[in-house]
């Protein structure tokens, strides 16, 4: 059986955690918000690299054709099904015929929906209205226990609350790892300004507007670097997940991977500020966030196992 995409929304795509190609030649570019992708899978008991449905700005309307356990994470969208509110970072069971719709949010850009047992897609992974997403049903013993627990109630009573993710998503401040060949004057101007997202070239780059930044043009062709901060016509352009083409725009630094989660959630009108750091500081911060993410996933496993044990008593 499958999920039916009744309305594909603005841009919905079946996405992998990392960039990869399938045996039939299909190319997956990887999740823009890797944390949300992994968190949704963790909640439903999947491996963290299972495929999810990535939805941008206006999420899809999805119909379920059989009992299905799902969770979604990322932006603060709220879903509705059968007059019930469906919240992010929670575990839900949907029955055959149920339809999940989403309400717009002023904060955030992308959500990632995971299905217990995994999903796959035939043909293009860019979803259109009327498409079907196949459910793999690679159920584990834990999945079976979840189905049994949710037979008489369609949701788990707990989830990951917004406050747990504040440090990851809410701040408008982004670290930029400095380059040794860029002057301190450029970084001083960058740090002293506040910028506004003017547009996004889908999954490729964010364009900012604000204080004009003059740089000494080296006329060097730079490789496309995920997280790269480039200056074009005096304004910053930030490289997202699919920015992989060489450019002559001046590269002045790189946003570390631990801030790429919230960068992918910035939409038009969002504010952005910068703090320039050294490479050693970036490595230390990356290590600290890695520990935090592991502790979060362990807490989810513990809470879920406790819930399953309680249900058997």
Protein backbone atom coordinates (compact mmCIF):
# COMPACT_ATOMS: atom_id res chain seq x y z
CA UNK A 1 0.00 0.00 0.00
CA UNK A 2 1.03 3.63 -0.19
CA UNK A 3 0.60 7.23 0.88
CA UNK A 4 -1.41 9.31 -1.60
CA UNK A 5 -0.21 12.86 -2.20
CA UNK A 6 -3.55 14.60 -2.69
CA UNK A 7 -1.92 18.03 -2.97
CA UNK A 8 1.85 18.31 -3.33
CA UNK A 9 2.00 21.77 -1.74
CA UNK A 10 4.73 24.19 -2.80
CA UNK A 11 7.61 21.70 -3.02
CA UNK A 12 7.59 18.17 -1.63
CA UNK A 13 10.31 15.63 -2.25
CA UNK A 14 11.27 12.17 -1.00
CA UNK A 15 14.68 12.77 0.51
CA UNK A 16 17.63 10.84 1.96
CA UNK A 17 19.82 11.89 4.85
CA UNK A 18 22.99 12.07 2.75
CA UNK A 19 23.55 12.53 -0.95
CA UNK A 20 23.22 9.21 -2.78
CA UNK A 21 22.03 7.54 -5.95
CA UNK A 22 19.57 4.64 -6.15
CA UNK A 23 20.14 1.52 -8.32
CA UNK A 24 17.68 2.88 -10.92
CA UNK A 25 19.72 6.06 -11.32
CA UNK A 26 17.61 8.26 -9.10
CA UNK A 27 19.66 10.92 -7.32
CA UNK A 28 18.92 12.07 -3.79
CA UNK A 29 20.61 15.34 -2.80
CA UNK A 30 20.31 14.84 0.96
CA UNK A 31 18.22 16.58 3.63
CA UNK A 32 18.71 20.33 4.08
CA UNK A 33 17.82 19.97 7.76
CA UNK A 34 19.66 16.81 8.73
CA UNK A 35 18.61 17.04 12.39
CA UNK A 36 14.88 17.17 11.61
CA UNK A 37 15.26 14.26 9.16
CA UNK A 38 16.97 12.12 11.79
CA UNK A 39 14.66 13.19 14.61
CA UNK A 40 11.50 12.21 12.70
CA UNK A 41 12.98 8.78 11.95
CA UNK A 42 14.13 8.34 15.54
CA UNK A 43 10.64 9.00 16.86
CA UNK A 44 9.02 6.27 14.71
CA UNK A 45 11.76 3.73 15.43
CA UNK A 46 13.48 3.83 12.03
CA UNK A 47 17.15 3.97 11.22
CA UNK A 48 18.13 7.63 11.07
CA UNK A 49 19.00 7.44 7.35
CA UNK A 50 15.61 6.12 6.18
CA UNK A 51 13.93 8.23 3.48
CA UNK A 52 11.56 10.99 4.60
CA UNK A 53 9.21 13.39 2.83
CA UNK A 54 10.72 16.89 2.86
CA UNK A 55 8.09 19.63 2.50
CA UNK A 56 8.85 23.33 2.05
CA UNK A 57 6.78 26.41 3.07
CA UNK A 58 3.39 24.88 2.09
CA UNK A 59 3.35 21.17 3.04
CA UNK A 60 1.53 18.49 1.12
CA UNK A 61 -1.91 17.04 1.87
CA UNK A 62 -1.44 13.30 2.48
CA UNK A 63 -4.01 10.48 2.50
CA UNK A 64 -3.27 7.17 4.24
CA UNK A 65 -4.38 3.86 2.72
CA UNK A 66 -3.68 1.63 5.74
CA UNK A 67 -2.78 2.03 9.44
CA UNK A 68 0.48 4.02 9.47
CA UNK A 69 2.70 5.38 12.23
CA UNK A 70 4.27 8.75 11.45
CA UNK A 71 6.16 11.65 13.00
CA UNK A 72 7.31 14.93 11.50
CA UNK A 73 9.94 17.39 12.62
CA UNK A 74 11.53 20.69 11.61
CA UNK A 75 9.48 23.89 11.24
CA UNK A 76 6.62 24.58 13.65
CA UNK A 77 3.81 23.50 11.32
CA UNK A 78 0.69 22.06 12.94
CA UNK A 79 -1.32 19.34 11.22
CA UNK A 80 -5.03 18.54 11.31
CA UNK A 81 -6.77 15.18 10.87
CA UNK A 82 -10.37 14.35 11.76
CA UNK A 83 -10.61 17.61 13.76
CA UNK A 84 -7.59 16.58 15.83
CA UNK A 85 -4.48 18.72 16.14
CA UNK A 86 -1.31 16.96 14.98
CA UNK A 87 1.88 18.39 16.48
CA UNK A 88 5.52 18.18 15.38
CA UNK A 89 7.92 15.84 17.19
CA UNK A 90 5.11 13.51 18.32
CA UNK A 91 4.19 9.94 17.33
CA UNK A 92 0.80 9.32 15.68
CA UNK A 93 -1.12 6.41 14.21
CA UNK A 94 -3.26 7.22 11.16
CA UNK A 95 -5.94 4.83 9.91
CA UNK A 96 -7.03 3.94 6.40
CA UNK A 97 -8.74 6.91 4.77
CA UNK A 98 -7.31 9.52 7.15
CA UNK A 99 -6.10 12.74 5.54
CA UNK A 100 -3.35 14.89 7.05
CA UNK A 101 -3.35 18.61 6.27
CA UNK A 102 -1.05 21.31 7.62
CA UNK A 103 -1.64 24.83 8.88
CA UNK A 104 0.86 27.52 7.85
CA UNK A 105 3.40 28.76 10.39
CA UNK A 106 5.18 32.12 10.62
CA UNK A 107 8.34 30.39 11.83
CA UNK A 108 10.34 27.84 9.91
CA UNK A 109 10.56 26.65 6.36
CA UNK A 110 10.76 22.83 6.08
CA UNK A 111 9.33 19.75 7.75
CA UNK A 112 10.37 16.11 7.41
CA UNK A 113 7.78 13.36 7.70
CA UNK A 114 8.94 9.83 8.56
CA UNK A 115 6.87 6.65 8.25
CA UNK A 116 7.49 3.63 10.49
CA UNK A 117 9.03 0.86 8.39
CA UNK A 118 10.35 3.24 5.75
CA UNK A 119 9.20 4.52 2.36
CA UNK A 120 10.35 4.47 -1.24
CA UNK A 121 9.30 6.13 -4.45
CA UNK A 122 9.11 4.94 -8.04
CA UNK A 123 10.17 7.41 -10.70
CA UNK A 124 11.02 10.98 -9.74
CA UNK A 125 11.42 11.72 -6.04
CA UNK A 126 9.88 15.17 -6.63
CA UNK A 127 6.25 14.65 -5.64
CA UNK A 128 3.26 15.89 -7.59
CA UNK A 129 -0.43 15.86 -6.74
CA UNK A 130 -1.80 12.35 -7.24
CA UNK A 131 1.56 10.60 -6.73
CA UNK A 132 1.93 7.56 -4.48
CA UNK A 133 4.72 7.00 -1.97
CA UNK A 134 5.22 3.30 -1.32
CA UNK A 135 5.44 2.07 2.27
CA UNK A 136 8.21 -0.52 2.70
CA UNK A 137 6.77 -2.05 5.92
CA UNK A 138 10.20 -3.13 7.14
CA UNK A 139 8.77 -3.42 10.64
CA UNK A 140 10.88 -4.28 13.66
CA UNK A 141 9.68 -5.78 16.93
CA UNK A 142 9.51 -2.24 18.33
CA UNK A 143 7.28 -1.18 15.44
CA UNK A 144 4.94 -4.09 16.17
CA UNK A 145 4.77 -3.03 19.81
CA UNK A 146 4.02 0.55 18.78
CA UNK A 147 1.13 -0.58 16.57
CA UNK A 148 -0.28 -2.66 19.44
CA UNK A 149 0.05 0.23 21.88
CA UNK A 150 -1.69 2.68 19.54
CA UNK A 151 -4.61 0.44 18.61
CA UNK A 152 -6.87 2.09 21.21
CA UNK A 153 -5.34 5.58 21.02
CA UNK A 154 -3.84 7.19 17.99
CA UNK A 155 -0.98 9.09 19.61
CA UNK A 156 1.76 8.82 22.20
CA UNK A 157 1.19 11.22 25.10
CA UNK A 158 4.65 12.77 24.98
CA UNK A 159 7.07 14.22 22.45
CA UNK A 160 10.07 16.49 22.03
CA UNK A 161 8.87 19.96 23.03
CA UNK A 162 9.91 23.20 21.36
CA UNK A 163 11.95 24.32 24.35
CA UNK A 164 14.28 21.35 23.92
CA UNK A 165 15.17 22.61 20.44
CA UNK A 166 15.43 26.34 21.17
CA UNK A 167 19.22 26.46 21.02
CA UNK A 168 19.20 24.65 17.68
CA UNK A 169 16.54 26.60 15.80
CA UNK A 170 15.40 29.85 17.41
CA UNK A 171 18.50 32.07 17.36
CA UNK A 172 19.15 34.32 14.36
CA UNK A 173 22.91 34.27 15.00
CA UNK A 174 25.11 32.16 12.70
CA UNK A 175 28.77 31.33 13.10
CA UNK A 176 31.10 31.95 10.17
CA UNK A 177 34.51 30.24 10.12
CA UNK A 178 37.00 32.87 8.99
CA UNK A 179 39.39 32.60 6.08
CA UNK A 180 43.00 33.72 6.69
CA UNK A 181 43.06 35.75 3.48
CA UNK A 182 40.01 37.91 4.32
CA UNK A 183 40.60 41.21 6.12
CA UNK A 184 39.30 41.94 9.62
CA UNK A 185 37.50 45.00 8.21
CA UNK A 186 35.23 42.75 6.12
CA UNK A 187 34.40 40.62 9.16
CA UNK A 188 33.80 43.69 11.34
CA UNK A 189 31.23 44.99 8.84
CA UNK A 190 29.65 41.53 8.58
CA UNK A 191 29.28 41.19 12.37
CA UNK A 192 27.93 44.71 12.88
CA UNK A 193 25.03 44.30 10.48
CA UNK A 194 21.66 42.56 10.58
CA UNK A 195 20.45 41.06 7.32
CA UNK A 196 17.06 39.95 6.03
CA UNK A 197 16.38 36.95 3.80
CA UNK A 198 15.11 38.38 0.51
CA UNK A 199 14.63 35.11 -1.38
CA UNK A 200 15.65 31.46 -1.62
CA UNK A 201 16.74 29.66 -4.76
CA UNK A 202 15.20 26.36 -3.81
CA UNK A 203 17.62 24.20 -1.80
CA UNK A 204 20.54 26.05 -3.46
CA UNK A 205 21.06 29.45 -1.83
CA UNK A 206 19.63 32.14 0.44
CA UNK A 207 19.95 35.75 -0.66
CA UNK A 208 20.30 38.40 2.05
CA UNK A 209 19.80 42.15 1.97
CA UNK A 210 21.13 44.74 4.41
CA UNK A 211 24.41 46.58 4.84
CA UNK A 212 26.49 46.74 1.65
CA UNK A 213 29.73 44.77 2.02
CA UNK A 214 32.72 45.78 -0.07
CA UNK A 215 35.37 43.12 -0.62
CA UNK A 216 38.61 43.04 -2.57
CA UNK A 217 37.56 40.94 -5.55
CA UNK A 218 40.19 38.27 -6.20
CA UNK A 219 38.47 37.16 -9.44
CA UNK A 220 39.09 33.58 -8.34
CA UNK A 221 36.60 30.85 -9.22
CA UNK A 222 35.52 29.26 -5.94
CA UNK A 223 34.04 25.76 -5.65
CA UNK A 224 30.48 25.42 -4.43
CA UNK A 225 30.73 24.78 -0.68
CA UNK A 226 27.71 23.90 1.46
CA UNK A 227 27.45 26.60 4.10
CA UNK A 228 29.66 28.98 2.12
CA UNK A 229 29.15 32.71 2.67
CA UNK A 230 29.63 34.50 -0.65
CA UNK A 231 29.41 38.18 -1.51
CA UNK A 232 27.59 39.04 -4.75
CA UNK A 233 26.85 42.68 -5.68
CA UNK A 234 27.82 43.67 -2.14
CA UNK A 235 25.32 41.38 -0.38
CA UNK A 236 25.71 37.93 1.24
CA UNK A 237 24.56 34.78 -0.53
CA UNK A 238 24.47 31.69 1.69
CA UNK A 239 25.02 28.26 0.14
CA UNK A 240 22.41 25.63 0.99
CA UNK A 241 22.48 21.89 0.42
CA UNK A 242 22.40 21.85 -3.40
CA UNK A 243 24.92 24.66 -4.00
CA UNK A 244 27.54 22.67 -5.87
CA UNK A 245 28.51 24.82 -8.87
CA UNK A 246 31.71 26.92 -9.08
CA UNK A 247 31.21 30.67 -8.65
CA UNK A 248 33.22 33.84 -9.06
CA UNK A 249 31.40 35.45 -6.10
CA UNK A 250 33.87 36.19 -3.30
CA UNK A 251 33.95 33.47 -0.64
CA UNK A 252 34.56 35.02 2.80
CA UNK A 253 33.87 32.10 5.14
CA UNK A 254 31.76 29.03 5.87
CA UNK A 255 28.83 28.39 8.21
CA UNK A 256 29.60 25.23 10.23
CA UNK A 257 27.38 22.17 9.83
CA UNK A 258 25.90 22.58 13.33
CA UNK A 259 24.18 25.80 12.18
CA UNK A 260 22.98 24.46 8.83
CA UNK A 261 19.86 22.98 10.49
CA UNK A 262 18.45 26.38 11.38
CA UNK A 263 19.75 28.02 8.20
CA UNK A 264 17.55 25.67 6.16
CA UNK A 265 14.56 26.87 8.23
CA UNK A 266 15.01 30.56 7.32
CA UNK A 267 12.32 31.84 4.98
CA UNK A 268 11.79 35.17 3.24
CA UNK A 269 11.72 37.97 5.81
CA UNK A 270 13.76 36.07 8.42
CA UNK A 271 16.58 37.90 10.18
CA UNK A 272 20.20 36.77 10.08
CA UNK A 273 23.24 37.96 12.06
CA UNK A 274 26.81 36.64 12.01
CA UNK A 275 29.59 35.91 14.48
CA UNK A 276 33.03 35.15 13.06
CA UNK A 277 34.92 32.30 14.74
CA UNK A 278 38.09 30.29 14.23
CA UNK A 279 38.27 26.71 13.01
CA UNK A 280 39.16 25.35 16.48
CA UNK A 281 36.04 26.94 17.97
CA UNK A 282 33.91 25.41 15.22
CA UNK A 283 35.29 21.93 15.97
CA UNK A 284 34.60 22.35 19.70
CA UNK A 285 31.03 23.50 19.03
CA UNK A 286 30.45 20.64 16.59
CA UNK A 287 31.60 18.13 19.21
CA UNK A 288 29.32 19.68 21.84
CA UNK A 289 26.29 19.55 19.56
CA UNK A 290 27.03 15.96 18.56
CA UNK A 291 26.96 14.98 22.24
CA UNK A 292 23.69 16.87 22.72
CA UNK A 293 22.03 15.16 19.74
CA UNK A 294 23.11 11.72 20.97
CA UNK A 295 21.70 12.47 24.43
CA UNK A 296 18.42 13.64 22.84
CA UNK A 297 18.06 10.43 20.82
CA UNK A 298 18.88 8.30 23.89
CA UNK A 299 16.19 10.18 25.84
CA UNK A 300 13.66 9.42 23.08
CA UNK A 301 14.57 5.71 23.15
CA UNK A 302 14.27 5.62 26.94
CA UNK A 303 10.92 7.42 26.99
CA UNK A 304 9.51 5.22 24.25
CA UNK A 305 10.68 1.98 25.90
CA UNK A 306 9.18 3.16 29.19
CA UNK A 307 5.87 3.89 27.45
CA UNK A 308 5.82 0.45 25.83
CA UNK A 309 6.51 -1.28 29.15
CA UNK A 310 3.77 0.73 30.87
CA UNK A 311 1.29 -0.25 28.17
CA UNK A 312 1.87 -3.96 28.90
CA UNK A 313 1.20 -3.61 32.63
